[in-house]
Amino acid sequence: MPHPDFLLAADRHCVAHGARLTDTRRRVLELALAREGVVKAYDLLADLQTERGQVAPPTVYRALEFLVDQGLLHRVEALNGYIVCHHFDCPHESLLLVCETCGGVTELDGSPALVALRAAASEAGFAPRRDDVMLSGRCRECRA
């Protein structure tokens, strides 16, 4: 069961940003919270269909898009999935560390490094299409 304080904070965060955490959006967030690490859209769809019967894929994708836009989830493109952002109320840019062995994802505040990286890219005349950065490798546990 997801932590109620997190869900309450998420709801307040949405309201403060002029958005609304509808029942479906909240449930998709709860289902993502209930899973460890990266969660796939079709896993969430299957979970939702188990509870509610027939649910169309766009329902889940729209909810996921909203949750990403609100900073409650991060899209991990390399793994074609999502992770929950547990510090959505503090401004940050994500540095995602993805373990190639176990698939675990660790999120760090990459703001200082990304400022320097964007400046270097700008100097080279390059415009990145996303602000988050992902590094792949092996986590501490898998290296041990």
N, C-alpha and C. Protein backbone atom coordinates (compact mmCIF):
# COMPACT_ATOMS: atom_id res chain seq x y z
N MET A 1 0.85 -1.19 0.00
CA MET A 1 0.00 0.00 0.00
C MET A 1 0.89 1.24 0.00
N PRO A 2 0.66 2.15 -0.96
CA PRO A 2 1.45 3.37 -1.01
C PRO A 2 1.28 4.22 0.25
N HIS A 3 2.31 4.94 0.58
CA HIS A 3 2.28 5.78 1.77
C HIS A 3 1.26 6.90 1.59
N PRO A 4 0.28 7.03 2.49
CA PRO A 4 -0.77 8.04 2.35
C PRO A 4 -0.22 9.47 2.36
N ASP A 5 0.86 9.72 3.10
CA ASP A 5 1.44 11.07 3.12
C ASP A 5 1.97 11.46 1.75
N PHE A 6 2.54 10.49 1.02
CA PHE A 6 3.04 10.76 -0.32
C PHE A 6 1.89 11.15 -1.24
N LEU A 7 0.80 10.39 -1.17
CA LEU A 7 -0.35 10.66 -2.03
C LEU A 7 -1.00 12.00 -1.69
N LEU A 8 -1.08 12.32 -0.42
CA LEU A 8 -1.61 13.61 0.00
C LEU A 8 -0.73 14.75 -0.51
N ALA A 9 0.59 14.57 -0.38
CA ALA A 9 1.53 15.58 -0.88
C ALA A 9 1.43 15.72 -2.39
N ALA A 10 1.26 14.60 -3.09
CA ALA A 10 1.11 14.63 -4.54
C ALA A 10 -0.14 15.39 -4.94
N ASP A 11 -1.23 15.14 -4.22
CA ASP A 11 -2.48 15.85 -4.50
C ASP A 11 -2.31 17.35 -4.28
N ARG A 12 -1.70 17.73 -3.18
CA ARG A 12 -1.45 19.16 -2.89
C ARG A 12 -0.55 19.79 -3.94
N HIS A 13 0.46 19.04 -4.37
CA HIS A 13 1.38 19.52 -5.40
C HIS A 13 0.62 19.84 -6.68
N CYS A 14 -0.26 18.93 -7.08
CA CYS A 14 -1.05 19.14 -8.31
C CYS A 14 -1.94 20.37 -8.17
N VAL A 15 -2.63 20.49 -7.06
CA VAL A 15 -3.53 21.63 -6.83
C VAL A 15 -2.73 22.94 -6.88
N ALA A 16 -1.55 22.95 -6.25
CA ALA A 16 -0.71 24.15 -6.24
C ALA A 16 -0.25 24.53 -7.64
N HIS A 17 -0.23 23.55 -8.54
CA HIS A 17 0.19 23.83 -9.91
C HIS A 17 -0.99 23.90 -10.88
N GLY A 18 -2.19 24.09 -10.31
CA GLY A 18 -3.38 24.27 -11.14
C GLY A 18 -3.84 23.02 -11.85
N ALA A 19 -3.50 21.87 -11.30
CA ALA A 19 -3.89 20.61 -11.91
C ALA A 19 -4.70 19.79 -10.92
N ARG A 20 -5.24 18.69 -11.40
CA ARG A 20 -6.09 17.86 -10.54
C ARG A 20 -5.68 16.39 -10.65
N LEU A 21 -5.45 15.78 -9.51
CA LEU A 21 -5.13 14.36 -9.45
C LEU A 21 -6.46 13.60 -9.41
N THR A 22 -6.98 13.27 -10.60
CA THR A 22 -8.26 12.57 -10.69
C THR A 22 -8.13 11.17 -10.09
N ASP A 23 -9.25 10.49 -9.96
CA ASP A 23 -9.24 9.14 -9.40
C ASP A 23 -8.34 8.20 -10.22
N THR A 24 -8.45 8.28 -11.54
CA THR A 24 -7.65 7.40 -12.40
C THR A 24 -6.17 7.75 -12.30
N ARG A 25 -5.83 9.02 -12.33
CA ARG A 25 -4.44 9.43 -12.20
C ARG A 25 -3.87 9.00 -10.85
N ARG A 26 -4.66 9.18 -9.82
CA ARG A 26 -4.22 8.79 -8.48
C ARG A 26 -4.00 7.28 -8.41
N ARG A 27 -4.90 6.52 -9.00
CA ARG A 27 -4.77 5.06 -8.96
C ARG A 27 -3.55 4.59 -9.74
N VAL A 28 -3.28 5.20 -10.88
CA VAL A 28 -2.08 4.85 -11.66
C VAL A 28 -0.84 5.17 -10.83
N LEU A 29 -0.84 6.30 -10.13
CA LEU A 29 0.28 6.65 -9.26
C LEU A 29 0.42 5.62 -8.13
N GLU A 30 -0.69 5.25 -7.53
CA GLU A 30 -0.66 4.24 -6.46
C GLU A 30 -0.10 2.91 -6.96
N LEU A 31 -0.51 2.51 -8.15
CA LEU A 31 -0.03 1.26 -8.72
C LEU A 31 1.47 1.34 -9.02
N ALA A 32 1.93 2.49 -9.50
CA ALA A 32 3.37 2.68 -9.76
C ALA A 32 4.15 2.64 -8.45
N LEU A 33 3.60 3.25 -7.40
CA LEU A 33 4.25 3.24 -6.09
C LEU A 33 4.35 1.83 -5.51
N ALA A 34 3.38 1.00 -5.83
CA ALA A 34 3.34 -0.35 -5.28
C ALA A 34 4.38 -1.27 -5.91
N ARG A 35 4.95 -0.86 -7.02
CA ARG A 35 5.96 -1.68 -7.71
C ARG A 35 7.35 -1.14 -7.40
N GLU A 36 8.32 -2.01 -7.37
CA GLU A 36 9.71 -1.61 -7.14
C GLU A 36 10.34 -1.18 -8.46
N GLY A 37 11.10 -0.12 -8.43
CA GLY A 37 11.90 0.29 -9.59
C GLY A 37 11.07 0.75 -10.77
N VAL A 38 11.51 0.35 -11.95
CA VAL A 38 10.88 0.78 -13.20
C VAL A 38 9.58 0.03 -13.40
N VAL A 39 8.55 0.76 -13.76
CA VAL A 39 7.25 0.16 -14.03
C VAL A 39 6.89 0.45 -15.49
N LYS A 40 6.34 -0.55 -16.14
CA LYS A 40 5.95 -0.44 -17.54
C LYS A 40 4.48 -0.07 -17.64
N ALA A 41 4.15 0.69 -18.68
CA ALA A 41 2.77 1.13 -18.87
C ALA A 41 1.82 -0.06 -18.98
N TYR A 42 2.23 -1.11 -19.68
CA TYR A 42 1.32 -2.24 -19.85
C TYR A 42 1.13 -3.04 -18.56
N ASP A 43 2.11 -2.99 -17.65
CA ASP A 43 1.90 -3.60 -16.34
C ASP A 43 0.84 -2.82 -15.56
N LEU A 44 0.91 -1.51 -15.64
CA LEU A 44 -0.09 -0.67 -14.96
C LEU A 44 -1.46 -0.87 -15.60
N LEU A 45 -1.49 -0.99 -16.92
CA LEU A 45 -2.75 -1.24 -17.61
C LEU A 45 -3.35 -2.57 -17.14
N ALA A 46 -2.53 -3.60 -17.06
CA ALA A 46 -3.02 -4.91 -16.60
C ALA A 46 -3.55 -4.82 -15.17
N ASP A 47 -2.82 -4.12 -14.31
CA ASP A 47 -3.28 -3.94 -12.93
C ASP A 47 -4.62 -3.24 -12.88
N LEU A 48 -4.75 -2.19 -13.66
CA LEU A 48 -5.99 -1.40 -13.68
C LEU A 48 -7.14 -2.23 -14.25
N GLN A 49 -6.86 -3.03 -15.28
CA GLN A 49 -7.90 -3.87 -15.87
C GLN A 49 -8.35 -4.96 -14.89
N THR A 50 -7.42 -5.44 -14.08
CA THR A 50 -7.78 -6.44 -13.07
C THR A 50 -8.79 -5.86 -12.09
N GLU A 51 -8.61 -4.59 -11.77
CA GLU A 51 -9.51 -3.93 -10.81
C GLU A 51 -10.81 -3.45 -11.43
N ARG A 52 -10.72 -2.91 -12.66
CA ARG A 52 -11.85 -2.18 -13.23
C ARG A 52 -12.46 -2.81 -14.48
N GLY A 53 -11.95 -3.93 -14.91
CA GLY A 53 -12.43 -4.50 -16.17
C GLY A 53 -11.71 -3.85 -17.34
N GLN A 54 -12.41 -3.73 -18.45
CA GLN A 54 -11.79 -3.20 -19.66
C GLN A 54 -11.39 -1.73 -19.50
N VAL A 55 -10.11 -1.45 -19.63
CA VAL A 55 -9.57 -0.09 -19.61
C VAL A 55 -8.74 0.07 -20.87
N ALA A 56 -8.96 1.13 -21.60
CA ALA A 56 -8.23 1.36 -22.84
C ALA A 56 -6.81 1.85 -22.55
N PRO A 57 -5.83 1.40 -23.33
CA PRO A 57 -4.45 1.85 -23.13
C PRO A 57 -4.28 3.37 -23.07
N PRO A 58 -4.98 4.15 -23.91
CA PRO A 58 -4.80 5.61 -23.82
C PRO A 58 -5.14 6.19 -22.45
N THR A 59 -6.01 5.53 -21.71
CA THR A 59 -6.35 6.00 -20.35
C THR A 59 -5.10 5.99 -19.48
N VAL A 60 -4.34 4.91 -19.54
CA VAL A 60 -3.12 4.79 -18.74
C VAL A 60 -2.05 5.74 -19.27
N TYR A 61 -1.89 5.80 -20.59
CA TYR A 61 -0.87 6.67 -21.17
C TYR A 61 -1.13 8.15 -20.86
N ARG A 62 -2.39 8.55 -20.88
CA ARG A 62 -2.72 9.95 -20.52
C ARG A 62 -2.41 10.21 -19.06
N ALA A 63 -2.74 9.26 -18.20
CA ALA A 63 -2.43 9.41 -16.76
C ALA A 63 -0.93 9.49 -16.55
N LEU A 64 -0.16 8.63 -17.22
CA LEU A 64 1.29 8.65 -17.09
C LEU A 64 1.87 9.97 -17.59
N GLU A 65 1.36 10.46 -18.69
CA GLU A 65 1.83 11.75 -19.23
C GLU A 65 1.58 12.87 -18.23
N PHE A 66 0.40 12.87 -17.64
CA PHE A 66 0.08 13.87 -16.61
C PHE A 66 1.04 13.76 -15.43
N LEU A 67 1.27 12.56 -14.95
CA LEU A 67 2.12 12.35 -13.78
C LEU A 67 3.57 12.76 -14.07
N VAL A 68 4.03 12.53 -15.29
CA VAL A 68 5.37 12.99 -15.69
C VAL A 68 5.39 14.51 -15.76
N ASP A 69 4.37 15.10 -16.39
CA ASP A 69 4.29 16.57 -16.49
C ASP A 69 4.29 17.23 -15.12
N GLN A 70 3.68 16.58 -14.14
CA GLN A 70 3.61 17.14 -12.78
C GLN A 70 4.88 16.83 -11.97
N GLY A 71 5.80 16.05 -12.55
CA GLY A 71 7.04 15.72 -11.84
C GLY A 71 6.89 14.61 -10.82
N LEU A 72 5.77 13.89 -10.86
CA LEU A 72 5.54 12.80 -9.91
C LEU A 72 6.18 11.50 -10.37
N LEU A 73 6.37 11.37 -11.67
CA LEU A 73 7.06 10.23 -12.27
C LEU A 73 8.13 10.76 -13.22
N HIS A 74 9.13 9.92 -13.46
CA HIS A 74 10.13 10.21 -14.49
C HIS A 74 10.04 9.12 -15.54
N ARG A 75 10.14 9.50 -16.79
CA ARG A 75 10.18 8.54 -17.89
C ARG A 75 11.61 8.05 -18.03
N VAL A 76 11.80 6.75 -18.06
CA VAL A 76 13.11 6.16 -18.28
C VAL A 76 13.06 5.53 -19.67
N GLU A 77 13.42 6.35 -20.66
CA GLU A 77 13.26 5.92 -22.05
C GLU A 77 14.06 4.67 -22.37
N ALA A 78 15.27 4.55 -21.84
CA ALA A 78 16.12 3.40 -22.15
C ALA A 78 15.47 2.09 -21.72
N LEU A 79 14.64 2.14 -20.70
CA LEU A 79 13.98 0.94 -20.20
C LEU A 79 12.50 0.91 -20.57
N ASN A 80 12.06 1.90 -21.35
CA ASN A 80 10.67 2.01 -21.77
C ASN A 80 9.72 1.89 -20.59
N GLY A 81 10.00 2.69 -19.55
CA GLY A 81 9.17 2.64 -18.35
C GLY A 81 9.23 3.92 -17.56
N TYR A 82 8.79 3.85 -16.32
CA TYR A 82 8.65 5.02 -15.45
C TYR A 82 9.14 4.68 -14.06
N ILE A 83 9.63 5.70 -13.34
CA ILE A 83 9.94 5.55 -11.93
C ILE A 83 9.26 6.69 -11.17
N VAL A 84 8.93 6.42 -9.94
CA VAL A 84 8.30 7.42 -9.08
C VAL A 84 9.37 8.41 -8.62
N CYS A 85 9.05 9.70 -8.63
CA CYS A 85 9.93 10.73 -8.10
C CYS A 85 9.49 11.00 -6.67
N HIS A 86 10.34 10.67 -5.71
CA HIS A 86 9.97 10.81 -4.31
C HIS A 86 10.27 12.19 -3.74
N HIS A 87 10.82 13.07 -4.56
CA HIS A 87 11.10 14.44 -4.08
C HIS A 87 10.62 15.45 -5.12
N PHE A 88 9.36 15.30 -5.51
CA PHE A 88 8.79 16.14 -6.56
C PHE A 88 8.60 17.59 -6.14
N ASP A 89 8.59 17.87 -4.85
CA ASP A 89 8.36 19.24 -4.39
C ASP A 89 9.62 20.11 -4.40
N CYS A 90 10.79 19.50 -4.61
CA CYS A 90 11.99 20.32 -4.67
C CYS A 90 12.45 20.39 -6.13
N PRO A 91 12.81 21.58 -6.58
CA PRO A 91 13.22 21.71 -7.98
C PRO A 91 14.53 20.97 -8.21
N HIS A 92 14.54 20.12 -9.23
CA HIS A 92 15.74 19.37 -9.56
C HIS A 92 15.65 18.88 -11.00
N GLU A 93 16.78 18.51 -11.51
CA GLU A 93 16.84 17.86 -12.81
C GLU A 93 17.41 16.48 -12.55
N SER A 94 16.85 15.51 -13.20
CA SER A 94 17.19 14.13 -12.88
C SER A 94 18.44 13.64 -13.57
N LEU A 95 19.23 12.94 -12.78
CA LEU A 95 20.33 12.13 -13.28
C LEU A 95 19.94 10.72 -12.88
N LEU A 96 19.61 9.89 -13.87
CA LEU A 96 19.14 8.54 -13.61
C LEU A 96 20.28 7.55 -13.82
N LEU A 97 20.55 6.76 -12.81
CA LEU A 97 21.59 5.73 -12.87
C LEU A 97 20.89 4.39 -13.05
N VAL A 98 21.08 3.76 -14.20
CA VAL A 98 20.36 2.53 -14.55
C VAL A 98 21.34 1.37 -14.55
N CYS A 99 21.05 0.37 -13.73
CA CYS A 99 21.90 -0.82 -13.66
C CYS A 99 21.53 -1.75 -14.82
N GLU A 100 22.54 -2.08 -15.62
CA GLU A 100 22.32 -2.97 -16.77
C GLU A 100 22.12 -4.42 -16.35
N THR A 101 22.47 -4.75 -15.13
CA THR A 101 22.36 -6.13 -14.67
C THR A 101 20.99 -6.40 -14.03
N CYS A 102 20.63 -5.60 -13.02
CA CYS A 102 19.37 -5.86 -12.30
C CYS A 102 18.22 -4.96 -12.76
N GLY A 103 18.52 -3.92 -13.54
CA GLY A 103 17.46 -3.01 -14.01
C GLY A 103 17.06 -1.97 -12.99
N GLY A 104 17.73 -1.93 -11.85
CA GLY A 104 17.42 -0.92 -10.83
C GLY A 104 17.75 0.48 -11.32
N VAL A 105 16.99 1.44 -10.86
CA VAL A 105 17.21 2.83 -11.24
C VAL A 105 17.32 3.67 -9.98
N THR A 106 18.36 4.49 -9.92
CA THR A 106 18.55 5.43 -8.82
C THR A 106 18.46 6.82 -9.40
N GLU A 107 17.69 7.68 -8.76
CA GLU A 107 17.57 9.07 -9.21
C GLU A 107 18.39 9.96 -8.31
N LEU A 108 19.19 10.80 -8.93
CA LEU A 108 19.97 11.80 -8.21
C LEU A 108 19.60 13.18 -8.72
N ASP A 109 19.85 14.21 -7.91
CA ASP A 109 19.69 15.58 -8.37
C ASP A 109 20.90 15.90 -9.23
N GLY A 110 20.69 16.00 -10.52
CA GLY A 110 21.78 16.26 -11.44
C GLY A 110 21.91 17.72 -11.83
N SER A 111 21.18 18.61 -11.13
CA SER A 111 21.15 20.02 -11.52
C SER A 111 22.53 20.63 -11.73
N PRO A 112 23.46 20.53 -10.77
CA PRO A 112 24.77 21.18 -10.98
C PRO A 112 25.50 20.64 -12.22
N ALA A 113 25.51 19.34 -12.38
CA ALA A 113 26.20 18.76 -13.53
C ALA A 113 25.51 19.10 -14.84
N LEU A 114 24.19 19.14 -14.83
CA LEU A 114 23.45 19.40 -16.06
C LEU A 114 23.59 20.85 -16.50
N VAL A 115 23.76 21.77 -15.56
CA VAL A 115 24.00 23.16 -15.93
C VAL A 115 25.29 23.24 -16.75
N ALA A 116 26.33 22.60 -16.25
CA ALA A 116 27.62 22.60 -16.96
C ALA A 116 27.51 21.87 -18.30
N LEU A 117 26.80 20.76 -18.32
CA LEU A 117 26.64 19.99 -19.55
C LEU A 117 25.87 20.79 -20.61
N ARG A 118 24.79 21.47 -20.20
CA ARG A 118 24.01 22.29 -21.14
C ARG A 118 24.85 23.44 -21.67
N ALA A 119 25.66 24.06 -20.80
CA ALA A 119 26.52 25.16 -21.23
C ALA A 119 27.52 24.67 -22.28
N ALA A 120 28.12 23.50 -22.05
CA ALA A 120 29.07 22.95 -23.01
C ALA A 120 28.37 22.61 -24.33
N ALA A 121 27.17 22.05 -24.23
CA ALA A 121 26.41 21.70 -25.44
C ALA A 121 26.05 22.97 -26.21
N SER A 122 25.62 24.00 -25.49
CA SER A 122 25.25 25.26 -26.13
C SER A 122 26.46 25.88 -26.84
N GLU A 123 27.60 25.82 -26.18
CA GLU A 123 28.83 26.35 -26.77
C GLU A 123 29.17 25.63 -28.07
N ALA A 124 28.83 24.36 -28.15
CA ALA A 124 29.08 23.57 -29.34
C ALA A 124 27.95 23.70 -30.37
N GLY A 125 26.95 24.55 -30.05
CA GLY A 125 25.82 24.75 -30.96
C GLY A 125 24.82 23.61 -30.95
N PHE A 126 24.79 22.87 -29.85
CA PHE A 126 23.91 21.70 -29.74
C PHE A 126 22.76 22.01 -28.80
N ALA A 127 21.55 21.60 -29.17
CA ALA A 127 20.37 21.80 -28.32
C ALA A 127 19.79 20.45 -27.94
N PRO A 128 20.00 20.01 -26.67
CA PRO A 128 19.43 18.72 -26.24
C PRO A 128 17.91 18.75 -26.27
N ARG A 129 17.30 17.61 -26.53
CA ARG A 129 15.84 17.56 -26.59
C ARG A 129 15.20 17.25 -25.25
N ARG A 130 15.99 16.76 -24.27
CA ARG A 130 15.46 16.47 -22.94
C ARG A 130 16.43 17.00 -21.91
N ASP A 131 15.89 17.27 -20.71
CA ASP A 131 16.73 17.79 -19.63
C ASP A 131 17.33 16.70 -18.75
N ASP A 132 16.69 15.54 -18.69
CA ASP A 132 17.24 14.51 -17.82
C ASP A 132 18.35 13.75 -18.53
N VAL A 133 19.24 13.18 -17.74
CA VAL A 133 20.36 12.42 -18.27
C VAL A 133 20.35 11.06 -17.61
N MET A 134 20.66 10.05 -18.40
CA MET A 134 20.70 8.70 -17.88
C MET A 134 22.10 8.13 -18.10
N LEU A 135 22.63 7.52 -17.06
CA LEU A 135 23.89 6.80 -17.15
C LEU A 135 23.60 5.32 -16.93
N SER A 136 24.16 4.48 -17.77
CA SER A 136 23.97 3.06 -17.56
C SER A 136 25.28 2.44 -17.12
N GLY A 137 25.18 1.39 -16.36
CA GLY A 137 26.35 0.71 -15.82
C GLY A 137 25.89 -0.38 -14.87
N ARG A 138 26.66 -0.60 -13.82
CA ARG A 138 26.31 -1.62 -12.83
C ARG A 138 26.27 -1.02 -11.44
N CYS A 139 25.22 -1.34 -10.71
CA CYS A 139 25.06 -0.82 -9.36
C CYS A 139 26.04 -1.51 -8.40
N ARG A 140 26.13 -0.95 -7.22
CA ARG A 140 27.04 -1.47 -6.18
C ARG A 140 26.77 -2.96 -5.88
N GLU A 141 25.50 -3.31 -5.74
CA GLU A 141 25.16 -4.69 -5.38
C GLU A 141 25.55 -5.66 -6.49
N CYS A 142 25.33 -5.26 -7.74
CA CYS A 142 25.65 -6.16 -8.86
C CYS A 142 27.15 -6.24 -9.12
N ARG A 143 27.89 -5.22 -8.74
CA ARG A 143 29.36 -5.26 -8.87
C ARG A 143 29.99 -6.12 -7.79
N ALA A 144 29.29 -6.27 -6.68
CA ALA A 144 29.88 -7.02 -5.53
C ALA A 144 29.95 -8.51 -5.80
